[in-house]
N, C-alpha and C. Protein backbone atom coordinates (compact mmCIF):
# COMPACT_ATOMS: atom_id res chain seq x y z
N MET A 1 -26.94 6.09 -16.76
CA MET A 1 -26.88 4.65 -16.85
C MET A 1 -28.12 4.09 -16.19
N SER A 2 -28.74 3.12 -16.81
CA SER A 2 -29.96 2.53 -16.25
C SER A 2 -29.59 1.48 -15.20
N ASP A 3 -30.59 1.08 -14.41
CA ASP A 3 -30.37 0.09 -13.36
C ASP A 3 -29.94 -1.25 -13.93
N SER A 4 -30.33 -1.54 -15.17
CA SER A 4 -30.01 -2.83 -15.76
C SER A 4 -28.59 -2.89 -16.34
N GLU A 5 -27.96 -1.74 -16.53
CA GLU A 5 -26.60 -1.71 -17.07
C GLU A 5 -25.59 -1.96 -15.95
N GLU A 6 -24.56 -2.70 -16.27
CA GLU A 6 -23.51 -2.97 -15.31
C GLU A 6 -22.26 -2.20 -15.68
N THR A 7 -21.55 -1.76 -14.68
CA THR A 7 -20.25 -1.14 -14.90
C THR A 7 -19.21 -2.22 -14.71
N LYS A 8 -18.37 -2.42 -15.70
CA LYS A 8 -17.32 -3.42 -15.61
C LYS A 8 -15.98 -2.72 -15.46
N ILE A 9 -15.22 -3.23 -14.51
CA ILE A 9 -13.90 -2.69 -14.26
C ILE A 9 -12.89 -3.74 -14.69
N THR A 10 -11.94 -3.34 -15.50
CA THR A 10 -10.90 -4.25 -15.95
C THR A 10 -9.59 -3.82 -15.32
N ILE A 11 -8.91 -4.78 -14.74
CA ILE A 11 -7.64 -4.50 -14.10
C ILE A 11 -6.58 -5.35 -14.77
N ASP A 12 -5.51 -4.71 -15.20
CA ASP A 12 -4.42 -5.42 -15.84
C ASP A 12 -3.34 -5.68 -14.79
N PHE A 13 -3.33 -6.88 -14.24
CA PHE A 13 -2.36 -7.21 -13.20
C PHE A 13 -0.96 -7.39 -13.75
N ASP A 14 -0.80 -7.33 -15.06
CA ASP A 14 0.54 -7.40 -15.63
C ASP A 14 1.35 -6.18 -15.26
N ASP A 15 0.66 -5.09 -14.85
CA ASP A 15 1.36 -3.87 -14.44
C ASP A 15 1.94 -4.00 -13.04
N PHE A 16 1.58 -5.07 -12.32
CA PHE A 16 2.01 -5.24 -10.95
C PHE A 16 2.91 -6.47 -10.83
N ASP A 17 3.76 -6.45 -9.84
CA ASP A 17 4.52 -7.63 -9.47
C ASP A 17 3.70 -8.31 -8.38
N VAL A 18 2.73 -9.14 -8.77
CA VAL A 18 1.75 -9.71 -7.87
C VAL A 18 2.03 -11.20 -7.68
N HIS A 19 2.03 -11.63 -6.40
CA HIS A 19 2.44 -12.99 -6.08
C HIS A 19 1.29 -13.90 -5.64
N ASN A 20 0.24 -13.37 -5.07
CA ASN A 20 -0.87 -14.18 -4.58
C ASN A 20 -2.09 -13.29 -4.37
N PRO A 21 -3.25 -13.85 -4.00
CA PRO A 21 -4.47 -13.02 -3.84
C PRO A 21 -4.34 -11.93 -2.79
N HIS A 22 -3.64 -12.19 -1.68
CA HIS A 22 -3.46 -11.15 -0.66
C HIS A 22 -2.65 -9.99 -1.22
N ASP A 23 -1.62 -10.34 -1.96
CA ASP A 23 -0.76 -9.35 -2.59
C ASP A 23 -1.58 -8.49 -3.55
N ARG A 24 -2.41 -9.13 -4.35
CA ARG A 24 -3.28 -8.39 -5.30
C ARG A 24 -4.20 -7.44 -4.56
N PHE A 25 -4.82 -7.95 -3.50
CA PHE A 25 -5.76 -7.13 -2.72
C PHE A 25 -5.07 -5.88 -2.18
N VAL A 26 -3.91 -6.06 -1.57
CA VAL A 26 -3.19 -4.92 -0.98
C VAL A 26 -2.73 -3.95 -2.05
N LYS A 27 -2.12 -4.46 -3.10
CA LYS A 27 -1.57 -3.57 -4.13
C LYS A 27 -2.68 -2.86 -4.91
N LEU A 28 -3.77 -3.55 -5.15
CA LEU A 28 -4.89 -2.90 -5.82
C LEU A 28 -5.50 -1.84 -4.91
N GLY A 29 -5.64 -2.16 -3.63
CA GLY A 29 -6.15 -1.19 -2.67
C GLY A 29 -5.28 0.05 -2.60
N LEU A 30 -3.97 -0.15 -2.57
CA LEU A 30 -3.06 0.98 -2.46
C LEU A 30 -2.92 1.74 -3.78
N ASP A 31 -3.48 1.22 -4.84
CA ASP A 31 -3.55 2.00 -6.08
C ASP A 31 -4.67 3.04 -6.01
N ASN A 32 -5.57 2.88 -5.07
CA ASN A 32 -6.64 3.86 -4.83
C ASN A 32 -6.04 5.00 -4.02
N LYS A 33 -6.12 6.21 -4.55
CA LYS A 33 -5.47 7.36 -3.90
C LYS A 33 -5.95 7.58 -2.47
N ASN A 34 -7.26 7.42 -2.22
CA ASN A 34 -7.77 7.63 -0.86
C ASN A 34 -7.20 6.61 0.11
N VAL A 35 -7.10 5.36 -0.32
CA VAL A 35 -6.55 4.31 0.54
C VAL A 35 -5.07 4.58 0.79
N ALA A 36 -4.33 4.88 -0.25
CA ALA A 36 -2.89 5.14 -0.11
C ALA A 36 -2.65 6.34 0.81
N LEU A 37 -3.42 7.40 0.63
CA LEU A 37 -3.24 8.58 1.49
C LEU A 37 -3.60 8.27 2.94
N ASP A 38 -4.58 7.41 3.15
CA ASP A 38 -4.94 7.01 4.51
C ASP A 38 -3.78 6.26 5.15
N VAL A 39 -3.13 5.39 4.41
CA VAL A 39 -1.97 4.66 4.92
C VAL A 39 -0.82 5.64 5.21
N LEU A 40 -0.53 6.51 4.26
CA LEU A 40 0.57 7.45 4.43
C LEU A 40 0.29 8.46 5.54
N ASP A 41 -0.96 8.76 5.79
CA ASP A 41 -1.31 9.70 6.85
C ASP A 41 -0.99 9.14 8.23
N ARG A 42 -0.73 7.85 8.32
CA ARG A 42 -0.38 7.21 9.59
C ARG A 42 1.11 7.34 9.93
N LEU A 43 1.86 7.96 9.03
CA LEU A 43 3.27 8.22 9.32
C LEU A 43 3.38 9.20 10.49
N PRO A 44 4.46 9.18 11.22
CA PRO A 44 4.64 10.13 12.33
C PRO A 44 4.59 11.58 11.86
N ALA A 45 3.98 12.43 12.67
CA ALA A 45 3.82 13.85 12.33
C ALA A 45 5.17 14.50 12.04
N ALA A 46 6.20 14.12 12.78
CA ALA A 46 7.54 14.69 12.58
C ALA A 46 8.07 14.40 11.18
N LEU A 47 7.66 13.30 10.60
CA LEU A 47 8.06 12.95 9.24
C LEU A 47 7.13 13.59 8.22
N LYS A 48 5.82 13.52 8.48
CA LYS A 48 4.83 14.05 7.51
C LYS A 48 5.02 15.54 7.23
N LYS A 49 5.50 16.29 8.19
CA LYS A 49 5.64 17.74 7.96
C LYS A 49 6.67 18.06 6.88
N HIS A 50 7.49 17.08 6.52
CA HIS A 50 8.50 17.27 5.49
C HIS A 50 8.07 16.74 4.12
N LEU A 51 6.89 16.12 4.06
CA LEU A 51 6.45 15.45 2.84
C LEU A 51 5.24 16.12 2.22
N VAL A 52 5.14 16.05 0.90
CA VAL A 52 3.96 16.50 0.16
C VAL A 52 3.20 15.22 -0.19
N LEU A 53 2.42 14.72 0.75
CA LEU A 53 1.81 13.40 0.64
C LEU A 53 0.91 13.24 -0.57
N ASP A 54 0.15 14.27 -0.91
CA ASP A 54 -0.82 14.13 -2.00
C ASP A 54 -0.17 14.08 -3.39
N GLN A 55 1.16 14.16 -3.44
CA GLN A 55 1.86 14.05 -4.72
C GLN A 55 2.72 12.79 -4.80
N TYR A 56 2.38 11.80 -3.98
CA TYR A 56 3.14 10.55 -3.97
C TYR A 56 3.03 9.83 -5.31
N VAL A 57 3.96 8.95 -5.57
CA VAL A 57 3.92 8.04 -6.71
C VAL A 57 4.20 6.65 -6.15
N ARG A 58 3.35 5.68 -6.50
CA ARG A 58 3.59 4.31 -6.05
C ARG A 58 4.52 3.65 -7.06
N VAL A 59 5.63 3.15 -6.57
CA VAL A 59 6.62 2.47 -7.40
C VAL A 59 6.17 1.02 -7.55
N LYS A 60 5.99 0.58 -8.79
CA LYS A 60 5.48 -0.78 -9.03
C LYS A 60 6.66 -1.75 -9.11
N GLU A 61 7.20 -2.02 -7.96
CA GLU A 61 8.37 -2.86 -7.82
C GLU A 61 8.22 -3.62 -6.51
N SER A 62 8.74 -4.83 -6.44
CA SER A 62 8.71 -5.61 -5.21
C SER A 62 10.12 -6.04 -4.87
N PHE A 63 10.40 -6.08 -3.58
CA PHE A 63 11.74 -6.44 -3.11
C PHE A 63 11.71 -7.68 -2.22
N ILE A 64 10.60 -8.39 -2.24
CA ILE A 64 10.42 -9.58 -1.40
C ILE A 64 11.05 -10.80 -2.09
N SER A 65 11.77 -11.57 -1.33
CA SER A 65 12.37 -12.79 -1.89
C SER A 65 11.28 -13.80 -2.21
N LYS A 66 11.57 -14.71 -3.10
CA LYS A 66 10.59 -15.73 -3.50
C LYS A 66 10.12 -16.55 -2.30
N GLU A 67 10.99 -16.78 -1.34
CA GLU A 67 10.63 -17.57 -0.17
C GLU A 67 9.57 -16.90 0.69
N LEU A 68 9.52 -15.59 0.68
CA LEU A 68 8.59 -14.85 1.55
C LEU A 68 7.36 -14.32 0.82
N GLN A 69 7.29 -14.49 -0.49
CA GLN A 69 6.20 -13.90 -1.27
C GLN A 69 4.82 -14.40 -0.87
N GLU A 70 4.71 -15.59 -0.35
CA GLU A 70 3.41 -16.12 0.06
C GLU A 70 2.92 -15.50 1.36
N HIS A 71 3.82 -14.84 2.09
CA HIS A 71 3.48 -14.34 3.42
C HIS A 71 3.60 -12.83 3.58
N ILE A 72 4.27 -12.18 2.66
CA ILE A 72 4.55 -10.76 2.83
C ILE A 72 4.29 -10.00 1.53
N THR A 73 3.73 -8.80 1.67
CA THR A 73 3.53 -7.89 0.55
C THR A 73 4.30 -6.61 0.84
N ASP A 74 4.91 -6.06 -0.16
CA ASP A 74 5.61 -4.79 0.02
C ASP A 74 5.14 -3.78 -1.02
N VAL A 75 5.14 -2.52 -0.62
CA VAL A 75 4.76 -1.43 -1.50
C VAL A 75 5.72 -0.27 -1.23
N LEU A 76 6.22 0.33 -2.29
CA LEU A 76 7.15 1.45 -2.18
C LEU A 76 6.50 2.71 -2.74
N PHE A 77 6.57 3.79 -1.96
CA PHE A 77 6.06 5.08 -2.39
C PHE A 77 7.24 6.05 -2.53
N CYS A 78 7.23 6.84 -3.58
CA CYS A 78 8.16 7.95 -3.74
C CYS A 78 7.36 9.22 -3.50
N ILE A 79 7.80 10.02 -2.53
CA ILE A 79 7.02 11.19 -2.11
C ILE A 79 7.91 12.44 -2.17
N PRO A 80 7.44 13.49 -2.86
CA PRO A 80 8.22 14.73 -2.87
C PRO A 80 8.29 15.32 -1.45
N THR A 81 9.40 15.97 -1.18
CA THR A 81 9.55 16.66 0.10
C THR A 81 9.30 18.15 -0.10
N VAL A 82 9.11 18.85 1.00
CA VAL A 82 8.82 20.28 0.91
C VAL A 82 10.03 21.07 0.38
N ASP A 83 11.22 20.47 0.45
CA ASP A 83 12.41 21.15 -0.07
C ASP A 83 12.83 20.61 -1.45
N ASN A 84 11.83 20.12 -2.20
CA ASN A 84 12.01 19.68 -3.59
C ASN A 84 12.98 18.51 -3.76
N LYS A 85 13.02 17.63 -2.80
CA LYS A 85 13.76 16.38 -2.93
C LYS A 85 12.73 15.26 -2.95
N HIS A 86 13.18 14.03 -2.82
CA HIS A 86 12.26 12.89 -2.79
C HIS A 86 12.59 11.99 -1.61
N ALA A 87 11.55 11.49 -1.00
CA ALA A 87 11.69 10.51 0.08
C ALA A 87 11.00 9.23 -0.36
N TYR A 88 11.45 8.12 0.15
CA TYR A 88 10.84 6.84 -0.16
C TYR A 88 10.27 6.25 1.12
N VAL A 89 9.02 5.80 1.03
CA VAL A 89 8.35 5.15 2.15
C VAL A 89 8.06 3.72 1.72
N TYR A 90 8.55 2.80 2.49
CA TYR A 90 8.42 1.37 2.19
C TYR A 90 7.43 0.76 3.17
N VAL A 91 6.36 0.17 2.64
CA VAL A 91 5.33 -0.46 3.46
C VAL A 91 5.48 -1.97 3.31
N LEU A 92 5.61 -2.65 4.43
CA LEU A 92 5.79 -4.09 4.45
C LEU A 92 4.65 -4.69 5.27
N LEU A 93 3.85 -5.55 4.65
CA LEU A 93 2.69 -6.14 5.31
C LEU A 93 2.79 -7.65 5.31
N GLU A 94 2.51 -8.23 6.47
CA GLU A 94 2.50 -9.68 6.59
C GLU A 94 1.08 -10.19 6.44
N HIS A 95 0.88 -11.22 5.63
CA HIS A 95 -0.44 -11.81 5.43
C HIS A 95 -0.73 -12.74 6.61
N ARG A 96 -1.93 -12.60 7.16
CA ARG A 96 -2.35 -13.46 8.26
C ARG A 96 -3.75 -13.96 8.01
N ARG A 97 -3.98 -15.20 8.34
CA ARG A 97 -5.35 -15.72 8.27
C ARG A 97 -6.13 -15.31 9.50
N ARG A 98 -5.47 -15.32 10.63
CA ARG A 98 -6.10 -14.93 11.89
C ARG A 98 -5.16 -14.02 12.65
N ALA A 99 -5.72 -13.04 13.30
CA ALA A 99 -4.90 -12.14 14.12
C ALA A 99 -4.63 -12.81 15.47
N ARG A 100 -3.45 -12.61 15.97
CA ARG A 100 -3.11 -13.10 17.31
C ARG A 100 -3.49 -12.01 18.30
N LYS A 101 -4.02 -12.41 19.46
CA LYS A 101 -4.53 -11.44 20.43
C LYS A 101 -3.51 -10.38 20.80
N LEU A 102 -2.30 -10.76 21.11
CA LEU A 102 -1.30 -9.77 21.50
C LEU A 102 -0.94 -8.84 20.35
N GLU A 103 -0.92 -9.35 19.14
CA GLU A 103 -0.58 -8.52 18.00
C GLU A 103 -1.68 -7.53 17.68
N VAL A 104 -2.94 -7.92 17.88
CA VAL A 104 -4.05 -6.98 17.69
C VAL A 104 -3.90 -5.83 18.67
N ALA A 105 -3.61 -6.15 19.92
CA ALA A 105 -3.42 -5.11 20.94
C ALA A 105 -2.25 -4.22 20.57
N ARG A 106 -1.15 -4.80 20.08
CA ARG A 106 0.01 -4.01 19.69
C ARG A 106 -0.33 -3.05 18.56
N ASP A 107 -1.08 -3.55 17.57
CA ASP A 107 -1.44 -2.71 16.43
C ASP A 107 -2.39 -1.59 16.83
N VAL A 108 -3.30 -1.86 17.74
CA VAL A 108 -4.25 -0.84 18.19
C VAL A 108 -3.52 0.23 18.99
N LEU A 109 -2.53 -0.14 19.75
CA LEU A 109 -1.80 0.81 20.60
C LEU A 109 -0.82 1.68 19.82
N ARG A 110 -0.50 1.31 18.61
CA ARG A 110 0.46 2.11 17.84
C ARG A 110 -0.09 3.43 17.46
């Protein structure tokens, strides 16, 4: 590809239950395998040892009520276990314009 050619990426948001720009950003990011694995790698070691993380499937479903959709994004992962069952990991994220000092400290300490 030459320097003058552009690569265009088309995303069909109809495949997602997307409520606002923050929701789109998070869900699109978590569609990237590296990003999703980075998030899942933050699970406790005692839990991760039972999961086959690299074979996860992101469930394109939302369980957030209409009242909370402007403030919260949720993502559900279905992950095979080492004993051939399935586990579900539910990620719930609150949208913030600014971080609060105490909450930043809490998140860093986790």
